[in-house]
Amino acid sequence: MVDRLDQLILEYGLAPQQIGLEITESVAMKAIDSNLKLLEKFRARGHKISVDDFGTGYSSLAYLKRFPLDTLKIDRAFIQELARDTDDFIIAKAIIDLGHSLGLKIVAEGVETQAQLKLLQELGCDLGQGFYFQKASTGEMISQCYERGLPLGRAQTL
């Protein structure tokens, strides 16, 4: 897998820093030692590494210090009903604070409303993704926007 990615980077003339790899929390926790070695190889090449669906799998905090991570992605389960004075608010805040303390960027998945966006901004979340920014699009739609220089969705930094 590492060699194939190296080959594609050369073939398309990309910089390794342009490649971000995501691993789900549940997959990261299976075969921890082999996954750790693989992620270390990717990191040594300059790739960015994210943990997707954080908070829904095994949620072992021990791997946060072992794995070479750049980003945590808060699972949509904590964003869907995000409101002040709820458990989801407290959990999202804890993940954001913990991630920032470890020098990680935080992405909120499943942002669908202006109210969710506002709360995440107040909590200091770095980035968001979800239908609020862009509905699901086909590859053809994305290509057409790119070719015409048109914006796709409401991309913005939180």
N, C-alpha and C. Protein backbone atom coordinates (compact mmCIF):
# COMPACT_ATOMS: atom_id res chain seq x y z
N MET A 1 0.82 -1.19 0.00
CA MET A 1 0.00 0.00 0.00
C MET A 1 0.88 1.26 0.00
N VAL A 2 1.91 1.26 0.80
CA VAL A 2 2.81 2.41 0.88
C VAL A 2 3.51 2.62 -0.46
N ASP A 3 4.02 1.53 -1.04
CA ASP A 3 4.71 1.63 -2.32
C ASP A 3 3.76 2.10 -3.42
N ARG A 4 2.54 1.62 -3.43
CA ARG A 4 1.56 2.03 -4.44
C ARG A 4 1.25 3.52 -4.32
N LEU A 5 1.10 4.01 -3.09
CA LEU A 5 0.84 5.42 -2.89
C LEU A 5 2.04 6.25 -3.36
N ASP A 6 3.25 5.80 -3.05
CA ASP A 6 4.46 6.50 -3.53
C ASP A 6 4.45 6.59 -5.05
N GLN A 7 4.08 5.49 -5.70
CA GLN A 7 4.04 5.44 -7.17
C GLN A 7 3.01 6.44 -7.72
N LEU A 8 1.84 6.51 -7.11
CA LEU A 8 0.80 7.43 -7.57
C LEU A 8 1.21 8.89 -7.36
N ILE A 9 1.89 9.17 -6.29
CA ILE A 9 2.37 10.52 -6.02
C ILE A 9 3.34 10.96 -7.11
N LEU A 10 4.25 10.07 -7.46
CA LEU A 10 5.19 10.38 -8.54
C LEU A 10 4.48 10.53 -9.87
N GLU A 11 3.57 9.62 -10.15
CA GLU A 11 2.84 9.63 -11.42
C GLU A 11 2.06 10.92 -11.63
N TYR A 12 1.45 11.44 -10.56
CA TYR A 12 0.61 12.63 -10.68
C TYR A 12 1.31 13.91 -10.25
N GLY A 13 2.57 13.80 -9.87
CA GLY A 13 3.34 14.98 -9.52
C GLY A 13 2.85 15.71 -8.28
N LEU A 14 2.44 14.95 -7.29
CA LEU A 14 1.93 15.53 -6.05
C LEU A 14 3.04 15.62 -5.00
N ALA A 15 2.84 16.50 -4.05
CA ALA A 15 3.71 16.56 -2.88
C ALA A 15 3.10 15.65 -1.81
N PRO A 16 3.91 14.90 -1.09
CA PRO A 16 3.36 14.02 -0.05
C PRO A 16 2.47 14.75 0.95
N GLN A 17 2.75 16.02 1.22
CA GLN A 17 1.96 16.79 2.17
C GLN A 17 0.54 17.06 1.67
N GLN A 18 0.31 16.85 0.39
CA GLN A 18 -1.02 17.04 -0.17
C GLN A 18 -1.93 15.84 0.07
N ILE A 19 -1.36 14.76 0.55
CA ILE A 19 -2.12 13.53 0.75
C ILE A 19 -2.49 13.38 2.23
N GLY A 20 -3.79 13.28 2.48
CA GLY A 20 -4.29 13.03 3.83
C GLY A 20 -4.93 11.66 3.88
N LEU A 21 -4.57 10.90 4.87
CA LEU A 21 -5.10 9.56 5.03
C LEU A 21 -5.98 9.51 6.27
N GLU A 22 -7.11 8.81 6.16
CA GLU A 22 -8.03 8.68 7.28
C GLU A 22 -8.15 7.21 7.66
N ILE A 23 -8.21 6.99 8.96
CA ILE A 23 -8.45 5.65 9.47
C ILE A 23 -9.57 5.78 10.50
N THR A 24 -10.54 4.88 10.43
CA THR A 24 -11.61 4.96 11.42
C THR A 24 -11.09 4.48 12.76
N GLU A 25 -11.71 4.99 13.79
CA GLU A 25 -11.28 4.63 15.14
C GLU A 25 -11.35 3.12 15.35
N SER A 26 -12.42 2.48 14.89
CA SER A 26 -12.56 1.05 15.12
C SER A 26 -11.50 0.24 14.37
N VAL A 27 -11.14 0.67 13.15
CA VAL A 27 -10.08 -0.02 12.40
C VAL A 27 -8.73 0.22 13.06
N ALA A 28 -8.50 1.44 13.53
CA ALA A 28 -7.22 1.76 14.18
C ALA A 28 -6.97 0.86 15.38
N MET A 29 -8.03 0.48 16.07
CA MET A 29 -7.87 -0.31 17.28
C MET A 29 -7.72 -1.80 17.01
N LYS A 30 -7.94 -2.23 15.78
CA LYS A 30 -7.70 -3.62 15.40
C LYS A 30 -6.26 -3.71 14.92
N ALA A 31 -5.55 -4.71 15.31
CA ALA A 31 -4.16 -4.90 14.89
C ALA A 31 -3.36 -3.61 15.13
N ILE A 32 -3.40 -3.14 16.35
CA ILE A 32 -2.82 -1.84 16.70
C ILE A 32 -1.36 -1.73 16.28
N ASP A 33 -0.57 -2.75 16.56
CA ASP A 33 0.86 -2.66 16.26
C ASP A 33 1.13 -2.53 14.76
N SER A 34 0.45 -3.33 13.94
CA SER A 34 0.68 -3.24 12.49
C SER A 34 0.13 -1.92 11.94
N ASN A 35 -1.01 -1.46 12.46
CA ASN A 35 -1.55 -0.16 12.02
C ASN A 35 -0.62 0.98 12.41
N LEU A 36 -0.06 0.90 13.60
CA LEU A 36 0.87 1.92 14.06
C LEU A 36 2.09 1.99 13.14
N LYS A 37 2.64 0.85 12.79
CA LYS A 37 3.80 0.83 11.88
C LYS A 37 3.44 1.41 10.52
N LEU A 38 2.28 1.06 10.01
CA LEU A 38 1.86 1.58 8.72
C LEU A 38 1.67 3.10 8.77
N LEU A 39 1.03 3.59 9.81
CA LEU A 39 0.82 5.03 9.94
C LEU A 39 2.14 5.78 10.11
N GLU A 40 3.08 5.17 10.81
CA GLU A 40 4.39 5.79 10.97
C GLU A 40 5.11 5.90 9.63
N LYS A 41 4.94 4.90 8.76
CA LYS A 41 5.54 4.96 7.42
C LYS A 41 4.92 6.10 6.61
N PHE A 42 3.60 6.23 6.69
CA PHE A 42 2.93 7.32 5.98
C PHE A 42 3.38 8.68 6.52
N ARG A 43 3.46 8.80 7.83
CA ARG A 43 3.88 10.06 8.45
C ARG A 43 5.32 10.41 8.06
N ALA A 44 6.20 9.41 8.02
CA ALA A 44 7.60 9.65 7.64
C ALA A 44 7.70 10.20 6.22
N ARG A 45 6.72 9.90 5.39
CA ARG A 45 6.70 10.41 4.02
C ARG A 45 6.06 11.80 3.93
N GLY A 46 5.53 12.30 5.04
CA GLY A 46 4.96 13.64 5.05
C GLY A 46 3.46 13.70 4.91
N HIS A 47 2.78 12.54 4.90
CA HIS A 47 1.32 12.53 4.76
C HIS A 47 0.65 12.93 6.07
N LYS A 48 -0.51 13.56 5.97
CA LYS A 48 -1.32 13.93 7.12
C LYS A 48 -2.20 12.73 7.47
N ILE A 49 -2.44 12.53 8.76
CA ILE A 49 -3.21 11.37 9.20
C ILE A 49 -4.34 11.81 10.13
N SER A 50 -5.55 11.32 9.83
CA SER A 50 -6.74 11.66 10.61
C SER A 50 -7.40 10.41 11.15
N VAL A 51 -8.03 10.55 12.31
CA VAL A 51 -8.88 9.48 12.84
C VAL A 51 -10.31 9.91 12.61
N ASP A 52 -11.04 9.09 11.87
CA ASP A 52 -12.43 9.36 11.52
C ASP A 52 -13.34 8.71 12.57
N ASP A 53 -14.53 9.27 12.73
CA ASP A 53 -15.56 8.73 13.63
C ASP A 53 -15.09 8.67 15.08
N PHE A 54 -14.29 9.65 15.50
CA PHE A 54 -13.76 9.61 16.86
C PHE A 54 -14.89 9.68 17.88
N GLY A 55 -14.78 8.82 18.88
CA GLY A 55 -15.74 8.81 19.98
C GLY A 55 -16.79 7.73 19.87
N THR A 56 -16.80 6.98 18.77
CA THR A 56 -17.85 5.96 18.62
C THR A 56 -17.33 4.54 18.69
N GLY A 57 -16.04 4.36 18.53
CA GLY A 57 -15.47 3.01 18.55
C GLY A 57 -15.03 2.65 19.95
N TYR A 58 -13.80 2.22 20.02
CA TYR A 58 -13.27 1.78 21.30
C TYR A 58 -12.84 2.96 22.17
N SER A 59 -12.64 4.11 21.55
CA SER A 59 -12.30 5.35 22.25
C SER A 59 -11.16 5.21 23.26
N SER A 60 -10.16 4.45 22.91
CA SER A 60 -9.00 4.34 23.79
C SER A 60 -8.15 5.59 23.64
N LEU A 61 -8.00 6.31 24.72
CA LEU A 61 -7.19 7.51 24.67
C LEU A 61 -5.71 7.19 24.57
N ALA A 62 -5.32 5.97 24.89
CA ALA A 62 -3.91 5.59 24.83
C ALA A 62 -3.36 5.72 23.41
N TYR A 63 -4.17 5.43 22.39
CA TYR A 63 -3.63 5.51 21.05
C TYR A 63 -3.44 6.93 20.57
N LEU A 64 -4.10 7.89 21.21
CA LEU A 64 -3.90 9.28 20.80
C LEU A 64 -2.46 9.73 20.99
N LYS A 65 -1.79 9.18 21.99
CA LYS A 65 -0.39 9.55 22.18
C LYS A 65 0.56 8.62 21.41
N ARG A 66 0.09 7.44 21.02
CA ARG A 66 0.95 6.50 20.29
C ARG A 66 0.91 6.71 18.78
N PHE A 67 -0.27 7.01 18.26
CA PHE A 67 -0.42 7.13 16.81
C PHE A 67 0.03 8.50 16.34
N PRO A 68 0.67 8.56 15.17
CA PRO A 68 1.14 9.85 14.63
C PRO A 68 0.00 10.58 13.92
N LEU A 69 -0.81 11.28 14.69
CA LEU A 69 -2.02 11.89 14.15
C LEU A 69 -1.87 13.40 13.93
N ASP A 70 -2.68 13.91 13.01
CA ASP A 70 -2.78 15.34 12.76
C ASP A 70 -4.17 15.87 13.08
N THR A 71 -5.18 15.01 12.89
CA THR A 71 -6.57 15.45 12.96
C THR A 71 -7.46 14.41 13.63
N LEU A 72 -8.42 14.88 14.42
CA LEU A 72 -9.50 14.05 14.94
C LEU A 72 -10.79 14.54 14.31
N LYS A 73 -11.61 13.61 13.88
CA LYS A 73 -12.90 13.96 13.30
C LYS A 73 -13.99 13.48 14.26
N ILE A 74 -14.70 14.45 14.83
CA ILE A 74 -15.77 14.13 15.78
C ILE A 74 -16.91 13.48 15.02
N ASP A 75 -17.32 12.32 15.46
CA ASP A 75 -18.39 11.60 14.78
C ASP A 75 -19.69 12.40 14.80
N ARG A 76 -20.42 12.27 13.73
CA ARG A 76 -21.69 12.98 13.56
C ARG A 76 -22.70 12.68 14.67
N ALA A 77 -22.55 11.55 15.34
CA ALA A 77 -23.48 11.19 16.42
C ALA A 77 -23.50 12.25 17.52
N PHE A 78 -22.38 12.97 17.69
CA PHE A 78 -22.30 14.01 18.72
C PHE A 78 -22.68 15.38 18.18
N ILE A 79 -22.87 15.48 16.87
CA ILE A 79 -23.18 16.76 16.24
C ILE A 79 -24.67 16.87 15.89
N GLN A 80 -25.31 15.75 15.58
CA GLN A 80 -26.70 15.74 15.11
C GLN A 80 -27.65 16.49 16.04
N GLU A 81 -27.52 16.29 17.32
CA GLU A 81 -28.43 16.94 18.27
C GLU A 81 -27.67 17.89 19.18
N LEU A 82 -26.61 18.49 18.63
CA LEU A 82 -25.77 19.41 19.40
C LEU A 82 -26.56 20.63 19.83
N ALA A 83 -26.61 20.86 21.12
CA ALA A 83 -27.26 22.03 21.69
C ALA A 83 -26.61 22.29 23.05
N ARG A 84 -26.66 23.54 23.46
CA ARG A 84 -26.10 23.89 24.77
C ARG A 84 -26.74 23.05 25.87
N ASP A 85 -25.99 22.77 26.90
CA ASP A 85 -26.49 22.04 28.08
C ASP A 85 -26.95 20.62 27.75
N THR A 86 -26.29 19.98 26.78
CA THR A 86 -26.58 18.58 26.48
C THR A 86 -25.30 17.78 26.63
N ASP A 87 -25.45 16.47 26.75
CA ASP A 87 -24.28 15.60 26.82
C ASP A 87 -23.45 15.72 25.54
N ASP A 88 -24.10 15.86 24.39
CA ASP A 88 -23.37 16.00 23.13
C ASP A 88 -22.48 17.24 23.14
N PHE A 89 -22.96 18.33 23.70
CA PHE A 89 -22.19 19.56 23.81
C PHE A 89 -20.96 19.34 24.68
N ILE A 90 -21.15 18.68 25.81
CA ILE A 90 -20.05 18.42 26.73
C ILE A 90 -19.01 17.50 26.09
N ILE A 91 -19.47 16.47 25.39
CA ILE A 91 -18.55 15.54 24.73
C ILE A 91 -17.80 16.24 23.60
N ALA A 92 -18.50 17.01 22.78
CA ALA A 92 -17.84 17.73 21.68
C ALA A 92 -16.79 18.69 22.24
N LYS A 93 -17.13 19.40 23.29
CA LYS A 93 -16.17 20.32 23.91
C LYS A 93 -14.95 19.58 24.43
N ALA A 94 -15.18 18.45 25.07
CA ALA A 94 -14.07 17.66 25.61
C ALA A 94 -13.14 17.16 24.50
N ILE A 95 -13.72 16.69 23.40
CA ILE A 95 -12.90 16.21 22.28
C ILE A 95 -12.11 17.37 21.68
N ILE A 96 -12.75 18.50 21.50
CA ILE A 96 -12.06 19.67 20.93
C ILE A 96 -10.92 20.11 21.85
N ASP A 97 -11.20 20.24 23.12
CA ASP A 97 -10.16 20.67 24.07
C ASP A 97 -9.02 19.66 24.15
N LEU A 98 -9.35 18.37 24.22
CA LEU A 98 -8.33 17.33 24.28
C LEU A 98 -7.47 17.35 23.02
N GLY A 99 -8.13 17.39 21.87
CA GLY A 99 -7.39 17.41 20.60
C GLY A 99 -6.48 18.60 20.49
N HIS A 100 -6.98 19.77 20.83
CA HIS A 100 -6.14 20.98 20.76
C HIS A 100 -4.97 20.89 21.73
N SER A 101 -5.19 20.33 22.92
CA SER A 101 -4.10 20.17 23.88
C SER A 101 -3.00 19.26 23.34
N LEU A 102 -3.38 18.34 22.47
CA LEU A 102 -2.41 17.43 21.85
C LEU A 102 -1.87 17.97 20.53
N GLY A 103 -2.27 19.18 20.17
CA GLY A 103 -1.77 19.79 18.94
C GLY A 103 -2.45 19.29 17.68
N LEU A 104 -3.67 18.76 17.82
CA LEU A 104 -4.40 18.21 16.68
C LEU A 104 -5.45 19.20 16.18
N LYS A 105 -5.75 19.12 14.89
CA LYS A 105 -6.89 19.86 14.33
C LYS A 105 -8.13 19.01 14.59
N ILE A 106 -9.26 19.70 14.72
CA ILE A 106 -10.52 19.00 14.99
C ILE A 106 -11.52 19.33 13.88
N VAL A 107 -12.13 18.27 13.34
CA VAL A 107 -13.15 18.39 12.30
C VAL A 107 -14.45 17.82 12.86
N ALA A 108 -15.52 18.58 12.75
CA ALA A 108 -16.84 18.09 13.14
C ALA A 108 -17.53 17.53 11.91
N GLU A 109 -17.95 16.28 11.99
CA GLU A 109 -18.66 15.64 10.88
C GLU A 109 -20.16 15.81 11.06
N GLY A 110 -20.88 15.89 9.96
CA GLY A 110 -22.33 15.90 10.02
C GLY A 110 -22.94 17.24 10.37
N VAL A 111 -22.26 18.34 10.07
CA VAL A 111 -22.82 19.67 10.33
C VAL A 111 -23.93 19.92 9.32
N GLU A 112 -25.15 20.13 9.82
CA GLU A 112 -26.30 20.29 8.93
C GLU A 112 -27.04 21.60 9.13
N THR A 113 -26.77 22.32 10.22
CA THR A 113 -27.53 23.54 10.47
C THR A 113 -26.61 24.69 10.88
N GLN A 114 -27.15 25.90 10.72
CA GLN A 114 -26.45 27.11 11.15
C GLN A 114 -26.23 27.07 12.66
N ALA A 115 -27.19 26.57 13.42
CA ALA A 115 -27.07 26.51 14.88
C ALA A 115 -25.91 25.60 15.30
N GLN A 116 -25.78 24.45 14.64
CA GLN A 116 -24.64 23.56 14.93
C GLN A 116 -23.33 24.26 14.62
N LEU A 117 -23.28 24.92 13.48
CA LEU A 117 -22.08 25.63 13.06
C LEU A 117 -21.69 26.68 14.10
N LYS A 118 -22.66 27.45 14.57
CA LYS A 118 -22.40 28.51 15.55
C LYS A 118 -21.84 27.93 16.85
N LEU A 119 -22.43 26.85 17.34
CA LEU A 119 -21.94 26.24 18.58
C LEU A 119 -20.53 25.70 18.40
N LEU A 120 -20.26 25.08 17.27
CA LEU A 120 -18.93 24.54 17.01
C LEU A 120 -17.89 25.65 16.92
N GLN A 121 -18.26 26.76 16.33
CA GLN A 121 -17.36 27.91 16.28
C GLN A 121 -17.06 28.40 17.69
N GLU A 122 -18.08 28.48 18.52
CA GLU A 122 -17.89 28.91 19.92
C GLU A 122 -16.98 27.96 20.68
N LEU A 123 -17.08 26.68 20.36
CA LEU A 123 -16.25 25.67 21.04
C LEU A 123 -14.81 25.66 20.52
N GLY A 124 -14.56 26.35 19.42
CA GLY A 124 -13.20 26.41 18.88
C GLY A 124 -12.87 25.29 17.92
N CYS A 125 -13.89 24.63 17.37
CA CYS A 125 -13.66 23.58 16.39
C CYS A 125 -13.00 24.19 15.15
N ASP A 126 -12.03 23.48 14.58
CA ASP A 126 -11.25 24.03 13.46
C ASP A 126 -11.97 23.96 12.12
N LEU A 127 -12.61 22.83 11.84
CA LEU A 127 -13.23 22.62 10.54
C LEU A 127 -14.53 21.85 10.71
N GLY A 128 -15.39 21.94 9.68
CA GLY A 128 -16.63 21.18 9.70
C GLY A 128 -16.88 20.59 8.33
N GLN A 129 -17.64 19.53 8.32
CA GLN A 129 -18.08 18.96 7.06
C GLN A 129 -19.50 18.46 7.24
N GLY A 130 -20.26 18.50 6.16
CA GLY A 130 -21.64 18.03 6.25
C GLY A 130 -22.52 18.74 5.25
N PHE A 131 -23.79 18.38 5.27
CA PHE A 131 -24.74 18.90 4.30
C PHE A 131 -24.94 20.41 4.42
N TYR A 132 -24.66 21.00 5.56
CA TYR A 132 -24.77 22.46 5.67
C TYR A 132 -23.86 23.14 4.65
N PHE A 133 -22.69 22.57 4.43
CA PHE A 133 -21.71 23.14 3.51
C PHE A 133 -21.93 22.69 2.07
N GLN A 134 -22.31 21.42 1.89
CA GLN A 134 -22.49 20.89 0.54
C GLN A 134 -23.27 19.59 0.60
N LYS A 135 -24.30 19.51 -0.18
CA LYS A 135 -25.03 18.25 -0.31
C LYS A 135 -24.15 17.25 -1.06
N ALA A 136 -24.47 16.00 -0.94
CA ALA A 136 -23.71 14.97 -1.66
C ALA A 136 -23.72 15.28 -3.16
N SER A 137 -22.59 15.14 -3.79
CA SER A 137 -22.45 15.47 -5.21
C SER A 137 -21.81 14.31 -5.96
N THR A 138 -22.16 14.20 -7.21
CA THR A 138 -21.54 13.18 -8.05
C THR A 138 -20.15 13.67 -8.46
N GLY A 139 -19.32 12.76 -8.88
CA GLY A 139 -18.00 13.12 -9.38
C GLY A 139 -18.10 14.06 -10.57
N GLU A 140 -19.11 13.85 -11.40
CA GLU A 140 -19.32 14.70 -12.57
C GLU A 140 -19.63 16.14 -12.16
N MET A 141 -20.49 16.30 -11.15
CA MET A 141 -20.83 17.65 -10.67
C MET A 141 -19.60 18.37 -10.12
N ILE A 142 -18.80 17.66 -9.37
CA ILE A 142 -17.59 18.24 -8.80
C ILE A 142 -16.62 18.63 -9.91
N SER A 143 -16.45 17.75 -10.89
CA SER A 143 -15.56 18.04 -12.01
C SER A 143 -16.02 19.27 -12.79
N GLN A 144 -17.32 19.39 -13.03
CA GLN A 144 -17.84 20.55 -13.76
C GLN A 144 -17.58 21.85 -13.01
N CYS A 145 -17.78 21.84 -11.71
CA CYS A 145 -17.50 23.05 -10.92
C CYS A 145 -16.02 23.39 -10.98
N TYR A 146 -15.20 22.38 -10.83
CA TYR A 146 -13.74 22.60 -10.87
C TYR A 146 -13.31 23.16 -12.21
N GLU A 147 -13.78 22.54 -13.29
CA GLU A 147 -13.40 22.98 -14.64
C GLU A 147 -13.86 24.40 -14.93
N ARG A 148 -14.99 24.81 -14.39
CA ARG A 148 -15.53 26.15 -14.64
C ARG A 148 -15.07 27.17 -13.59
N GLY A 149 -14.31 26.72 -12.62
CA GLY A 149 -13.85 27.63 -11.57
C GLY A 149 -14.95 28.08 -10.65
N LEU A 150 -15.99 27.27 -10.53
CA LEU A 150 -17.13 27.62 -9.68
C LEU A 150 -16.93 27.07 -8.27
N PRO A 151 -17.46 27.77 -7.27
CA PRO A 151 -17.35 27.25 -5.91
C PRO A 151 -18.25 26.04 -5.73
N LEU A 152 -17.85 25.17 -4.86
CA LEU A 152 -18.63 23.98 -4.56
C LEU A 152 -19.04 24.08 -3.09
N GLY A 153 -20.29 24.35 -2.84
CA GLY A 153 -20.77 24.43 -1.47
C GLY A 153 -20.35 25.71 -0.78
N ARG A 154 -20.44 25.68 0.54
CA ARG A 154 -20.11 26.83 1.37
C ARG A 154 -18.87 26.55 2.18
N ALA A 155 -17.79 26.16 1.55
CA ALA A 155 -16.57 25.84 2.30
C ALA A 155 -16.12 27.04 3.09
N GLN A 156 -15.84 26.79 4.36
CA GLN A 156 -15.34 27.86 5.21
C GLN A 156 -14.67 27.25 6.44
N THR A 157 -13.74 27.97 6.98
CA THR A 157 -13.10 27.55 8.21
C THR A 157 -13.99 27.96 9.36
N LEU A 158 -14.13 27.07 10.33
CA LEU A 158 -14.96 27.38 11.49
C LEU A 158 -14.23 28.40 12.32
